[in-house]
Amino acid sequence: MIEHHQLVKMCSAFIEPASVISSDRLLNGLSNDNFLIRTKQKGYLLKCYKSHWPAIGLEAQRFLSEFNICPAPVWLDKKNSRAVFNYIEGNTSQSGITLSFINKLAQVHNYNVSTAPIAIAKELHFYQSSDVYTQYKPQIEQALKAVAAMQFDEGFCHNDLVKDNIIVNASGMYLIDFEYAKTNDIYFDLASLAISFNLSEQNERALLADYENCTVRKNKFTQSIDKLNCYKLLYLVLCIGWYEQRAIKNKSVELRAQLNKITTLMVS
């Protein structure tokens, strides 16, 4: 555990140490150690990365913050895998998805940086020995085969659109944590939203329609509930595998209920 005086010493690289009035560890971060550093004027989020240095995501946040989409990084320490961001006051999103937020997501997808696309089949391979993969292997293979035959809607994706990464305040909805951001099919992000907010099919159709109206790539985007369902299934298997590998049972139980529902729909 990093002590307060150690945090203050770290912060001396970008603010006057004497201005720090409090520091608190944030418990909602599962992949990294996160701390809220407060001065009299504002708050800062200190992230200590455990797995990899997200250079692509950090640069994306720097650029996209200029459009009020996400908080800006204010200090980077690659050597020690630390980054500091302006802290956005607010709560994690619990209600519906606003049109303004969908427009922000479309801007993220249009961020003009291309990386090697995420290979969904390769990501799923890490969990091939898990209970969830074994149980749903035929449906997983069916979904992978289906999306491989569909149009690839390429975009720069967030790839981790859980509610905890969407902050809401009086000014709107904001994205945080671009740690896994890179090129992907934009339906992966749309599926993440559908799962995170447990949308009904009616609301899913509205999401796709609103997204098409917001995106600048209207001639390249095709609304497809079938494609959304395939990506929902694949996204759920990845999430459940990740949570169960770390024995986070409360998260996986709710997601398994959604997975059962989707597989039933895809069979019927």
C-alpha atoms as a PDB file:
ATOM      1  CA  MET A   1       0.000   0.000   0.000  1.00  0.00           C
ATOM      2  CA  ILE A   2       1.362   3.415  -0.982  1.00  0.00           C
ATOM      3  CA  GLU A   3       1.349   5.792   2.000  1.00  0.00           C
ATOM      4  CA  HIS A   4       0.134   9.400   1.869  1.00  0.00           C
ATOM      5  CA  HIS A   5       3.632  10.879   2.134  1.00  0.00           C
ATOM      6  CA  GLN A   6       4.761   8.707  -0.781  1.00  0.00           C
ATOM      7  CA  LEU A   7       1.845   9.915  -2.905  1.00  0.00           C
ATOM      8  CA  VAL A   8       2.665  13.529  -2.051  1.00  0.00           C
ATOM      9  CA  LYS A   9       6.259  12.939  -3.110  1.00  0.00           C
ATOM     10  CA  MET A  10       5.090  11.496  -6.450  1.00  0.00           C
ATOM     11  CA  CYS A  11       2.817  14.476  -7.006  1.00  0.00           C
ATOM     12  CA  SER A  12       5.669  16.912  -6.492  1.00  0.00           C
ATOM     13  CA  ALA A  13       6.524  16.311 -10.142  1.00  0.00           C
ATOM     14  CA  PHE A  14       3.443  18.256 -11.277  1.00  0.00           C
ATOM     15  CA  ILE A  15       2.048  20.194  -8.277  1.00  0.00           C
ATOM     16  CA  GLU A  16       3.351  21.917  -5.160  1.00  0.00           C
ATOM     17  CA  PRO A  17       3.418  19.230  -2.402  1.00  0.00           C
ATOM     18  CA  ALA A  18       2.167  21.672   0.210  1.00  0.00           C
ATOM     19  CA  SER A  19      -1.027  22.161  -1.804  1.00  0.00           C
ATOM     20  CA  VAL A  20      -2.104  18.525  -1.342  1.00  0.00           C
ATOM     21  CA  ILE A  21      -4.872  18.335   1.268  1.00  0.00           C
ATOM     22  CA  SER A  22      -5.887  14.660   0.943  1.00  0.00           C
ATOM     23  CA  SER A  23      -5.240  11.375  -0.819  1.00  0.00           C
ATOM     24  CA  ASP A  24      -7.561   8.389  -1.028  1.00  0.00           C
ATOM     25  CA  ARG A  25      -7.281   5.024  -2.687  1.00  0.00           C
ATOM     26  CA  LEU A  26     -10.177   4.340  -5.070  1.00  0.00           C
ATOM     27  CA  LEU A  27     -11.522   0.819  -4.728  1.00  0.00           C
ATOM     28  CA  ASN A  28     -13.409   0.504  -8.037  1.00  0.00           C
ATOM     29  CA  GLY A  29     -10.276  -0.036 -10.130  1.00  0.00           C
ATOM     30  CA  LEU A  30      -9.676  -3.770 -10.650  1.00  0.00           C
ATOM     31  CA  SER A  31      -6.700  -3.729 -13.022  1.00  0.00           C
ATOM     32  CA  ASN A  32      -4.604  -0.945 -11.471  1.00  0.00           C
ATOM     33  CA  ASP A  33      -4.037   0.999  -8.269  1.00  0.00           C
ATOM     34  CA  ASN A  34      -5.903   4.319  -8.426  1.00  0.00           C
ATOM     35  CA  PHE A  35      -5.673   7.283  -6.066  1.00  0.00           C
ATOM     36  CA  LEU A  36      -7.612  10.534  -5.791  1.00  0.00           C
ATOM     37  CA  ILE A  37      -5.282  13.415  -4.941  1.00  0.00           C
ATOM     38  CA  ARG A  38      -6.994  16.636  -3.851  1.00  0.00           C
ATOM     39  CA  THR A  39      -5.698  20.175  -3.599  1.00  0.00           C
ATOM     40  CA  LYS A  40      -7.793  23.197  -2.622  1.00  0.00           C
ATOM     41  CA  GLN A  41      -8.271  23.996  -6.287  1.00  0.00           C
ATOM     42  CA  LYS A  42      -8.988  20.612  -7.908  1.00  0.00           C
ATOM     43  CA  GLY A  43      -8.632  16.866  -7.900  1.00  0.00           C
ATOM     44  CA  TYR A  44      -6.236  14.576  -9.745  1.00  0.00           C
ATOM     45  CA  LEU A  45      -6.447  10.862 -10.492  1.00  0.00           C
ATOM     46  CA  LEU A  46      -3.171   8.964 -10.100  1.00  0.00           C
ATOM     47  CA  LYS A  47      -3.101   5.609 -11.898  1.00  0.00           C
ATOM     48  CA  CYS A  48      -0.394   3.041 -11.191  1.00  0.00           C
ATOM     49  CA  TYR A  49      -0.534   0.529 -14.041  1.00  0.00           C
ATOM     50  CA  LYS A  50       0.092  -3.121 -13.228  1.00  0.00           C
ATOM     51  CA  SER A  51       0.103  -4.806 -16.625  1.00  0.00           C
ATOM     52  CA  HIS A  52       1.261  -2.578 -19.496  1.00  0.00           C
ATOM     53  CA  TRP A  53       2.008   1.038 -20.343  1.00  0.00           C
ATOM     54  CA  PRO A  54      -1.006   2.173 -22.450  1.00  0.00           C
ATOM     55  CA  ALA A  55       0.808   4.589 -24.746  1.00  0.00           C
ATOM     56  CA  ILE A  56      -1.885   4.454 -27.440  1.00  0.00           C
ATOM     57  CA  GLY A  57      -4.707   5.078 -24.976  1.00  0.00           C
ATOM     58  CA  LEU A  58      -2.868   7.915 -23.218  1.00  0.00           C
ATOM     59  CA  GLU A  59      -2.252   9.750 -26.483  1.00  0.00           C
ATOM     60  CA  ALA A  60      -5.889   9.192 -27.465  1.00  0.00           C
ATOM     61  CA  GLN A  61      -7.034  10.711 -24.165  1.00  0.00           C
ATOM     62  CA  ARG A  62      -4.774  13.710 -24.647  1.00  0.00           C
ATOM     63  CA  PHE A  63      -6.318  14.368 -28.070  1.00  0.00           C
ATOM     64  CA  LEU A  64      -9.940  13.525 -27.213  1.00  0.00           C
ATOM     65  CA  SER A  65      -9.914  15.565 -23.991  1.00  0.00           C
ATOM     66  CA  GLU A  66      -9.817  18.669 -26.178  1.00  0.00           C
ATOM     67  CA  PHE A  67     -13.347  17.753 -27.310  1.00  0.00           C
ATOM     68  CA  ASN A  68     -14.666  17.312 -23.754  1.00  0.00           C
ATOM     69  CA  ILE A  69     -14.912  13.537 -24.191  1.00  0.00           C
ATOM     70  CA  CYS A  70     -12.557  12.402 -21.439  1.00  0.00           C
ATOM     71  CA  PRO A  71     -10.141  13.794 -18.819  1.00  0.00           C
ATOM     72  CA  ALA A  72      -6.735  14.937 -19.984  1.00  0.00           C
ATOM     73  CA  PRO A  73      -3.496  13.352 -18.781  1.00  0.00           C
ATOM     74  CA  VAL A  74      -1.420  15.992 -16.991  1.00  0.00           C
ATOM     75  CA  TRP A  75       1.689  14.005 -16.034  1.00  0.00           C
ATOM     76  CA  LEU A  76       3.226  10.774 -17.312  1.00  0.00           C
ATOM     77  CA  ASP A  77       5.919   8.649 -15.678  1.00  0.00           C
ATOM     78  CA  LYS A  78       6.507   5.781 -18.094  1.00  0.00           C
ATOM     79  CA  LYS A  79       9.525   4.475 -16.190  1.00  0.00           C
ATOM     80  CA  ASN A  80       7.387   3.723 -13.117  1.00  0.00           C
ATOM     81  CA  SER A  81       4.129   3.081 -15.050  1.00  0.00           C
ATOM     82  CA  ARG A  82       2.265   6.015 -13.518  1.00  0.00           C
ATOM     83  CA  ALA A  83      -0.033   8.606 -15.042  1.00  0.00           C
ATOM     84  CA  VAL A  84      -2.021  11.488 -13.603  1.00  0.00           C
ATOM     85  CA  PHE A  85      -5.268  12.855 -15.039  1.00  0.00           C
ATOM     86  CA  ASN A  86      -7.579  15.709 -14.230  1.00  0.00           C
ATOM     87  CA  TYR A  87     -10.238  14.187 -11.978  1.00  0.00           C
ATOM     88  CA  ILE A  88     -13.808  14.407 -13.234  1.00  0.00           C
ATOM     89  CA  GLU A  89     -16.245  14.910 -10.375  1.00  0.00           C
ATOM     90  CA  GLY A  90     -19.387  12.813 -10.645  1.00  0.00           C
ATOM     91  CA  ASN A  91     -20.773   9.318 -10.315  1.00  0.00           C
ATOM     92  CA  THR A  92     -20.507   6.179 -12.388  1.00  0.00           C
ATOM     93  CA  SER A  93     -23.359   6.009 -14.866  1.00  0.00           C
ATOM     94  CA  GLN A  94     -26.402   4.031 -13.736  1.00  0.00           C
ATOM     95  CA  SER A  95     -29.230   5.243 -15.969  1.00  0.00           C
ATOM     96  CA  GLY A  96     -29.697   5.529 -19.714  1.00  0.00           C
ATOM     97  CA  ILE A  97     -27.284   6.425 -22.495  1.00  0.00           C
ATOM     98  CA  THR A  98     -27.695   9.983 -23.729  1.00  0.00           C
ATOM     99  CA  LEU A  99     -27.517  11.071 -27.352  1.00  0.00           C
ATOM    100  CA  SER A 100     -24.675  13.394 -26.377  1.00  0.00           C
ATOM    101  CA  PHE A 101     -22.688  10.428 -25.082  1.00  0.00           C
ATOM    102  CA  ILE A 102     -23.351   8.407 -28.238  1.00  0.00           C
ATOM    103  CA  ASN A 103     -22.014  11.350 -30.210  1.00  0.00           C
ATOM    104  CA  LYS A 104     -18.876  11.343 -28.046  1.00  0.00           C
ATOM    105  CA  LEU A 105     -18.419   7.620 -28.639  1.00  0.00           C
ATOM    106  CA  ALA A 106     -18.760   8.143 -32.398  1.00  0.00           C
ATOM    107  CA  GLN A 107     -15.987  10.759 -32.172  1.00  0.00           C
ATOM    108  CA  VAL A 108     -13.775   8.256 -30.332  1.00  0.00           C
ATOM    109  CA  HIS A 109     -14.378   5.712 -33.089  1.00  0.00           C
ATOM    110  CA  ASN A 110     -13.403   8.327 -35.657  1.00  0.00           C
ATOM    111  CA  TYR A 111     -10.088   9.124 -33.900  1.00  0.00           C
ATOM    112  CA  ASN A 112      -7.619   8.948 -36.764  1.00  0.00           C
ATOM    113  CA  VAL A 113      -5.212   6.338 -35.413  1.00  0.00           C
ATOM    114  CA  SER A 114      -5.143   2.777 -36.648  1.00  0.00           C
ATOM    115  CA  THR A 115      -3.550  -0.122 -34.778  1.00  0.00           C
ATOM    116  CA  ALA A 116      -3.497  -3.855 -35.320  1.00  0.00           C
ATOM    117  CA  PRO A 117      -7.146  -4.869 -34.784  1.00  0.00           C
ATOM    118  CA  ILE A 118      -8.054  -6.836 -31.688  1.00  0.00           C
ATOM    119  CA  ALA A 119      -8.307 -10.520 -32.573  1.00  0.00           C
ATOM    120  CA  ILE A 120     -11.416 -11.620 -30.683  1.00  0.00           C
ATOM    121  CA  ALA A 121     -10.752 -15.326 -31.280  1.00  0.00           C
ATOM    122  CA  LYS A 122      -7.233 -14.941 -29.870  1.00  0.00           C
ATOM    123  CA  GLU A 123      -8.534 -13.083 -26.808  1.00  0.00           C
ATOM    124  CA  LEU A 124     -11.099 -15.818 -26.198  1.00  0.00           C
ATOM    125  CA  HIS A 125      -8.359 -18.438 -26.486  1.00  0.00           C
ATOM    126  CA  PHE A 126      -7.003 -17.322 -23.094  1.00  0.00           C
ATOM    127  CA  TYR A 127     -10.205 -18.647 -21.503  1.00  0.00           C
ATOM    128  CA  GLN A 128     -10.651 -21.856 -23.513  1.00  0.00           C
ATOM    129  CA  SER A 129     -10.172 -23.970 -20.383  1.00  0.00           C
ATOM    130  CA  SER A 130     -12.651 -21.939 -18.333  1.00  0.00           C
ATOM    131  CA  ASP A 131     -16.092 -23.203 -17.332  1.00  0.00           C
ATOM    132  CA  VAL A 132     -17.871 -20.492 -19.314  1.00  0.00           C
ATOM    133  CA  TYR A 133     -15.975 -21.275 -22.530  1.00  0.00           C
ATOM    134  CA  THR A 134     -16.511 -25.012 -22.159  1.00  0.00           C
ATOM    135  CA  GLN A 135     -20.216 -24.569 -21.471  1.00  0.00           C
ATOM    136  CA  TYR A 136     -20.845 -22.260 -24.416  1.00  0.00           C
ATOM    137  CA  LYS A 137     -18.234 -23.473 -26.888  1.00  0.00           C
ATOM    138  CA  PRO A 138     -20.722 -24.237 -29.732  1.00  0.00           C
ATOM    139  CA  GLN A 139     -22.346 -20.802 -29.404  1.00  0.00           C
ATOM    140  CA  ILE A 140     -18.939 -19.084 -29.236  1.00  0.00           C
ATOM    141  CA  GLU A 141     -17.785 -20.812 -32.403  1.00  0.00           C
ATOM    142  CA  GLN A 142     -21.081 -19.978 -34.107  1.00  0.00           C
ATOM    143  CA  ALA A 143     -20.738 -16.279 -33.173  1.00  0.00           C
ATOM    144  CA  LEU A 144     -17.097 -16.126 -34.300  1.00  0.00           C
ATOM    145  CA  LYS A 145     -18.024 -17.685 -37.640  1.00  0.00           C
ATOM    146  CA  ALA A 146     -20.916 -15.257 -38.066  1.00  0.00           C
ATOM    147  CA  VAL A 147     -18.940 -12.067 -37.377  1.00  0.00           C
ATOM    148  CA  ALA A 148     -16.119 -13.258 -39.633  1.00  0.00           C
ATOM    149  CA  ALA A 149     -18.621 -13.305 -42.497  1.00  0.00           C
ATOM    150  CA  MET A 150     -19.988  -9.843 -41.673  1.00  0.00           C
ATOM    151  CA  GLN A 151     -18.689  -6.414 -42.645  1.00  0.00           C
ATOM    152  CA  PHE A 152     -15.886  -5.242 -40.338  1.00  0.00           C
ATOM    153  CA  ASP A 153     -16.894  -1.796 -39.018  1.00  0.00           C
ATOM    154  CA  GLU A 154     -13.429  -0.536 -38.155  1.00  0.00           C
ATOM    155  CA  GLY A 155     -12.909   2.196 -35.609  1.00  0.00           C
ATOM    156  CA  PHE A 156     -10.718   3.266 -32.715  1.00  0.00           C
ATOM    157  CA  CYS A 157     -12.525   1.571 -29.824  1.00  0.00           C
ATOM    158  CA  HIS A 158     -12.475   2.034 -26.074  1.00  0.00           C
ATOM    159  CA  ASN A 159     -12.886  -1.746 -25.581  1.00  0.00           C
ATOM    160  CA  ASP A 160     -13.870  -1.519 -21.899  1.00  0.00           C
ATOM    161  CA  LEU A 161     -17.213   0.283 -21.751  1.00  0.00           C
ATOM    162  CA  VAL A 162     -18.386  -0.913 -18.359  1.00  0.00           C
ATOM    163  CA  LYS A 163     -20.418   1.521 -16.265  1.00  0.00           C
ATOM    164  CA  ASP A 164     -17.428   2.219 -14.015  1.00  0.00           C
ATOM    165  CA  ASN A 165     -15.675   3.794 -16.993  1.00  0.00           C
ATOM    166  CA  ILE A 166     -18.503   6.235 -17.712  1.00  0.00           C
ATOM    167  CA  ILE A 167     -18.750   9.231 -15.371  1.00  0.00           C
ATOM    168  CA  VAL A 168     -21.886  11.383 -15.138  1.00  0.00           C
ATOM    169  CA  ASN A 169     -22.253  14.882 -13.716  1.00  0.00           C
ATOM    170  CA  ALA A 170     -24.310  17.996 -14.424  1.00  0.00           C
ATOM    171  CA  SER A 171     -22.255  18.636 -17.579  1.00  0.00           C
ATOM    172  CA  GLY A 172     -22.887  15.240 -19.166  1.00  0.00           C
ATOM    173  CA  MET A 173     -21.310  11.805 -19.557  1.00  0.00           C
ATOM    174  CA  TYR A 174     -17.553  11.270 -19.863  1.00  0.00           C
ATOM    175  CA  LEU A 175     -15.306   8.347 -20.726  1.00  0.00           C
ATOM    176  CA  ILE A 176     -12.349   7.331 -18.576  1.00  0.00           C
ATOM    177  CA  ASP A 177      -9.717   4.551 -18.637  1.00  0.00           C
ATOM    178  CA  PHE A 178      -8.530   4.108 -22.217  1.00  0.00           C
ATOM    179  CA  GLU A 179      -6.080   1.408 -21.129  1.00  0.00           C
ATOM    180  CA  TYR A 180      -7.319  -1.124 -23.701  1.00  0.00           C
ATOM    181  CA  ALA A 181      -8.181   1.335 -26.485  1.00  0.00           C
ATOM    182  CA  LYS A 182      -7.176   0.282 -29.986  1.00  0.00           C
ATOM    183  CA  THR A 183      -8.665  -0.599 -33.372  1.00  0.00           C
ATOM    184  CA  ASN A 184     -11.609  -2.976 -33.272  1.00  0.00           C
ATOM    185  CA  ASP A 185     -15.041  -3.492 -34.784  1.00  0.00           C
ATOM    186  CA  ILE A 186     -17.165  -0.681 -33.316  1.00  0.00           C
ATOM    187  CA  TYR A 187     -19.873  -3.252 -32.606  1.00  0.00           C
ATOM    188  CA  PHE A 188     -17.667  -4.465 -29.725  1.00  0.00           C
ATOM    189  CA  ASP A 189     -18.122  -1.089 -27.992  1.00  0.00           C
ATOM    190  CA  LEU A 190     -21.827  -1.003 -28.847  1.00  0.00           C
ATOM    191  CA  ALA A 191     -22.235  -4.508 -27.448  1.00  0.00           C
ATOM    192  CA  SER A 192     -20.389  -3.439 -24.290  1.00  0.00           C
ATOM    193  CA  LEU A 193     -22.899  -0.632 -23.785  1.00  0.00           C
ATOM    194  CA  ALA A 194     -25.862  -2.922 -24.426  1.00  0.00           C
ATOM    195  CA  ILE A 195     -24.558  -5.353 -21.795  1.00  0.00           C
ATOM    196  CA  SER A 196     -23.456  -2.749 -19.242  1.00  0.00           C
ATOM    197  CA  PHE A 197     -26.863  -1.031 -19.296  1.00  0.00           C
ATOM    198  CA  ASN A 198     -28.786  -4.289 -19.831  1.00  0.00           C
ATOM    199  CA  LEU A 199     -30.712  -2.747 -22.725  1.00  0.00           C
ATOM    200  CA  SER A 200     -33.951  -4.185 -24.044  1.00  0.00           C
ATOM    201  CA  GLU A 201     -34.063  -5.057 -27.765  1.00  0.00           C
ATOM    202  CA  GLN A 202     -36.103  -1.898 -28.360  1.00  0.00           C
ATOM    203  CA  ASN A 203     -33.432   0.224 -26.688  1.00  0.00           C
ATOM    204  CA  GLU A 204     -30.707  -1.639 -28.572  1.00  0.00           C
ATOM    205  CA  ARG A 205     -32.369  -0.752 -31.867  1.00  0.00           C
ATOM    206  CA  ALA A 206     -32.598   2.861 -30.694  1.00  0.00           C
ATOM    207  CA  LEU A 207     -28.882   2.769 -29.786  1.00  0.00           C
ATOM    208  CA  LEU A 208     -27.948   1.582 -33.284  1.00  0.00           C
ATOM    209  CA  ALA A 209     -30.195   4.172 -34.926  1.00  0.00           C
ATOM    210  CA  ASP A 210     -28.816   6.998 -32.771  1.00  0.00           C
ATOM    211  CA  TYR A 211     -25.270   5.848 -33.459  1.00  0.00           C
ATOM    212  CA  GLU A 212     -25.865   5.857 -37.213  1.00  0.00           C
ATOM    213  CA  ASN A 213     -27.205   9.416 -36.966  1.00  0.00           C
ATOM    214  CA  CYS A 214     -24.139  10.522 -34.982  1.00  0.00           C
ATOM    215  CA  THR A 215     -21.380   8.845 -36.951  1.00  0.00           C
ATOM    216  CA  VAL A 216     -19.661  10.551 -39.880  1.00  0.00           C
ATOM    217  CA  ARG A 217     -19.252   7.165 -41.542  1.00  0.00           C
ATOM    218  CA  LYS A 218     -22.946   6.629 -42.341  1.00  0.00           C
ATOM    219  CA  ASN A 219     -22.183   4.918 -45.641  1.00  0.00           C
ATOM    220  CA  LYS A 220     -19.922   2.425 -43.840  1.00  0.00           C
ATOM    221  CA  PHE A 221     -22.151   1.585 -40.871  1.00  0.00           C
ATOM    222  CA  THR A 222     -25.007  -0.919 -41.136  1.00  0.00           C
ATOM    223  CA  GLN A 223     -27.478  -1.443 -38.310  1.00  0.00           C
ATOM    224  CA  SER A 224     -27.637  -5.122 -37.370  1.00  0.00           C
ATOM    225  CA  ILE A 225     -29.198  -6.624 -34.255  1.00  0.00           C
ATOM    226  CA  ASP A 226     -27.796 -10.022 -35.277  1.00  0.00           C
ATOM    227  CA  LYS A 227     -24.264  -8.637 -35.330  1.00  0.00           C
ATOM    228  CA  LEU A 228     -24.849  -6.870 -32.025  1.00  0.00           C
ATOM    229  CA  ASN A 229     -26.023 -10.124 -30.434  1.00  0.00           C
ATOM    230  CA  CYS A 230     -22.948 -11.973 -31.687  1.00  0.00           C
ATOM    231  CA  TYR A 231     -20.633  -9.374 -30.195  1.00  0.00           C
ATOM    232  CA  LYS A 232     -22.663  -9.319 -26.982  1.00  0.00           C
ATOM    233  CA  LEU A 233     -22.098 -13.054 -26.615  1.00  0.00           C
ATOM    234  CA  LEU A 234     -18.367 -12.790 -27.292  1.00  0.00           C
ATOM    235  CA  TYR A 235     -18.005  -9.779 -25.002  1.00  0.00           C
ATOM    236  CA  LEU A 236     -19.842 -11.578 -22.196  1.00  0.00           C
ATOM    237  CA  VAL A 237     -17.634 -14.664 -22.443  1.00  0.00           C
ATOM    238  CA  LEU A 238     -14.540 -12.466 -22.244  1.00  0.00           C
ATOM    239  CA  CYS A 239     -15.873 -10.565 -19.232  1.00  0.00           C
ATOM    240  CA  ILE A 240     -17.084 -13.641 -17.364  1.00  0.00           C
ATOM    241  CA  GLY A 241     -13.808 -15.421 -18.024  1.00  0.00           C
ATOM    242  CA  TRP A 242     -11.878 -12.388 -16.742  1.00  0.00           C
ATOM    243  CA  TYR A 243     -13.977 -12.023 -13.577  1.00  0.00           C
ATOM    244  CA  GLU A 244     -14.093 -15.726 -12.752  1.00  0.00           C
ATOM    245  CA  GLN A 245     -10.349 -16.073 -13.275  1.00  0.00           C
ATOM    246  CA  ARG A 246     -10.020 -13.515 -10.478  1.00  0.00           C
ATOM    247  CA  ALA A 247     -12.820 -15.035  -8.337  1.00  0.00           C
ATOM    248  CA  ILE A 248     -15.032 -11.925  -8.639  1.00  0.00           C
ATOM    249  CA  LYS A 249     -18.282 -13.870  -8.356  1.00  0.00           C
ATOM    250  CA  ASN A 250     -20.755 -11.005  -7.878  1.00  0.00           C
ATOM    251  CA  LYS A 251     -19.879  -9.596 -11.301  1.00  0.00           C
ATOM    252  CA  SER A 252     -20.005 -12.910 -13.145  1.00  0.00           C
ATOM    253  CA  VAL A 253     -23.423 -14.019 -11.802  1.00  0.00           C
ATOM    254  CA  GLU A 254     -25.258 -11.067 -13.379  1.00  0.00           C
ATOM    255  CA  LEU A 255     -23.384 -11.449 -16.657  1.00  0.00           C
ATOM    256  CA  ARG A 256     -24.107 -15.174 -16.846  1.00  0.00           C
ATOM    257  CA  ALA A 257     -27.827 -14.390 -16.658  1.00  0.00           C
ATOM    258  CA  GLN A 258     -27.444 -12.127 -19.698  1.00  0.00           C
ATOM    259  CA  LEU A 259     -25.383 -14.753 -21.505  1.00  0.00           C
ATOM    260  CA  ASN A 260     -28.065 -17.396 -20.950  1.00  0.00           C
ATOM    261  CA  LYS A 261     -30.674 -15.010 -22.360  1.00  0.00           C
ATOM    262  CA  ILE A 262     -28.616 -14.228 -25.482  1.00  0.00           C
ATOM    263  CA  THR A 263     -27.830 -17.837 -26.272  1.00  0.00           C
ATOM    264  CA  THR A 264     -31.531 -18.660 -26.003  1.00  0.00           C
ATOM    265  CA  LEU A 265     -32.387 -15.849 -28.409  1.00  0.00           C
ATOM    266  CA  MET A 266     -29.734 -16.924 -30.912  1.00  0.00           C
ATOM    267  CA  VAL A 267     -31.015 -20.506 -30.924  1.00  0.00           C
ATOM    268  CA  SER A 268     -34.702 -19.569 -31.299  1.00  0.00           C
END
